[in-house]
Amino acid sequence: MKKSNPKLTAAILQAVNNQLKSGDPPETRQTLNRLIGEGLSNEDAKIYIGQAVAIEIFNILKHREPFNLERFRQNLSRLPQEPS
């Protein structure tokens, strides 16, 4: 099993925190609250949200696609299932 890159993990979690602070998109805060309500810790909920952020970063870098807000929202709505 590969270990995660701590700097990359920190950058993704910072992106999650920035979304929560700005309220944009609002689905990030809604997802955090939902996941916490389902019994996840605040930290674990942010890690799940970070997976959805990572999918978008991957598609931006690998496929040169713009940020896909609709896909991001769909992935948030499916958490804690793995995003696609």
Protein backbone atom coordinates (compact mmCIF):
# COMPACT_ATOMS: atom_id res chain seq x y z
CA MET A 1 0.00 0.00 0.00
CA LYS A 2 1.35 3.41 -0.96
CA LYS A 3 1.86 6.01 1.71
CA SER A 4 0.34 9.37 1.01
CA ASN A 5 2.46 12.43 0.40
CA PRO A 6 2.15 14.58 3.55
CA LYS A 7 2.64 17.85 1.62
CA LEU A 8 -0.02 16.92 -0.92
CA THR A 9 -2.39 15.82 1.84
CA ALA A 10 -1.85 19.13 3.66
CA ALA A 11 -2.49 21.10 0.45
CA ILE A 12 -5.73 19.23 -0.25
CA LEU A 13 -6.93 19.70 3.34
CA GLN A 14 -6.07 23.39 3.05
CA ALA A 15 -8.27 23.56 -0.06
CA VAL A 16 -11.10 21.93 1.94
CA ASN A 17 -10.60 24.41 4.78
CA ASN A 18 -10.60 27.31 2.29
CA GLN A 19 -13.91 26.09 0.84
CA LEU A 20 -15.37 25.81 4.33
CA LYS A 21 -14.14 29.28 5.30
CA SER A 22 -15.42 30.94 2.13
CA GLY A 23 -18.66 28.97 1.98
CA ASP A 24 -17.99 28.27 -1.68
CA PRO A 25 -19.33 25.89 -2.72
CA PRO A 26 -21.91 25.60 0.04
CA GLU A 27 -22.12 21.83 -0.55
CA THR A 28 -18.73 21.44 1.12
CA ARG A 29 -20.08 22.69 4.48
CA GLN A 30 -23.30 20.72 4.00
CA THR A 31 -21.30 17.58 3.35
CA LEU A 32 -19.09 18.17 6.39
CA ASN A 33 -22.14 18.58 8.61
CA ARG A 34 -23.80 15.50 7.11
CA LEU A 35 -20.75 13.30 7.56
CA ILE A 36 -20.28 14.45 11.15
CA GLY A 37 -23.97 13.75 11.73
CA GLU A 38 -23.36 10.23 10.40
CA GLY A 39 -20.75 9.70 13.12
CA LEU A 40 -17.47 10.68 11.45
CA SER A 41 -15.02 12.92 13.24
CA ASN A 42 -14.43 16.42 11.88
CA GLU A 43 -10.96 15.31 10.71
CA ASP A 44 -12.22 12.17 8.97
CA ALA A 45 -15.05 14.09 7.30
CA LYS A 46 -12.53 16.58 5.89
CA ILE A 47 -10.38 13.72 4.61
CA TYR A 48 -13.39 12.31 2.74
CA ILE A 49 -14.15 15.73 1.27
CA GLY A 50 -10.48 15.97 0.32
CA GLN A 51 -10.92 12.87 -1.82
CA ALA A 52 -13.50 14.72 -3.91
CA VAL A 53 -11.12 17.69 -4.17
CA ALA A 54 -8.31 15.35 -5.24
CA ILE A 55 -10.45 13.94 -8.07
CA GLU A 56 -10.89 17.45 -9.44
CA ILE A 57 -7.19 18.25 -9.11
CA PHE A 58 -6.34 15.02 -10.91
CA ASN A 59 -8.67 15.80 -13.80
CA ILE A 60 -7.36 19.35 -14.08
CA LEU A 61 -3.75 18.19 -14.22
CA LYS A 62 -4.04 14.88 -16.08
CA HIS A 63 -6.80 15.64 -18.57
CA ARG A 64 -6.45 19.43 -18.69
CA GLU A 65 -10.13 19.75 -17.83
CA PRO A 66 -11.55 22.77 -16.05
CA PHE A 67 -12.87 22.33 -12.52
CA ASN A 68 -16.16 20.45 -12.87
CA LEU A 69 -18.46 21.81 -10.17
CA GLU A 70 -21.27 19.41 -11.03
CA ARG A 71 -19.02 16.34 -10.74
CA PHE A 72 -17.60 17.74 -7.49
CA ARG A 73 -21.10 18.20 -6.07
CA GLN A 74 -22.08 14.68 -7.11
CA ASN A 75 -18.98 13.23 -5.49
CA LEU A 76 -19.71 15.15 -2.29
CA SER A 77 -23.27 13.84 -2.25
CA ARG A 78 -22.02 10.23 -2.48
CA LEU A 79 -19.53 10.48 0.38
CA PRO A 80 -18.49 8.48 2.31
CA GLN A 81 -18.50 6.26 -0.78
CA GLU A 82 -15.32 6.71 -2.78
CA PRO A 83 -15.61 9.50 -5.35
CA SER A 84 -15.33 8.78 -9.04
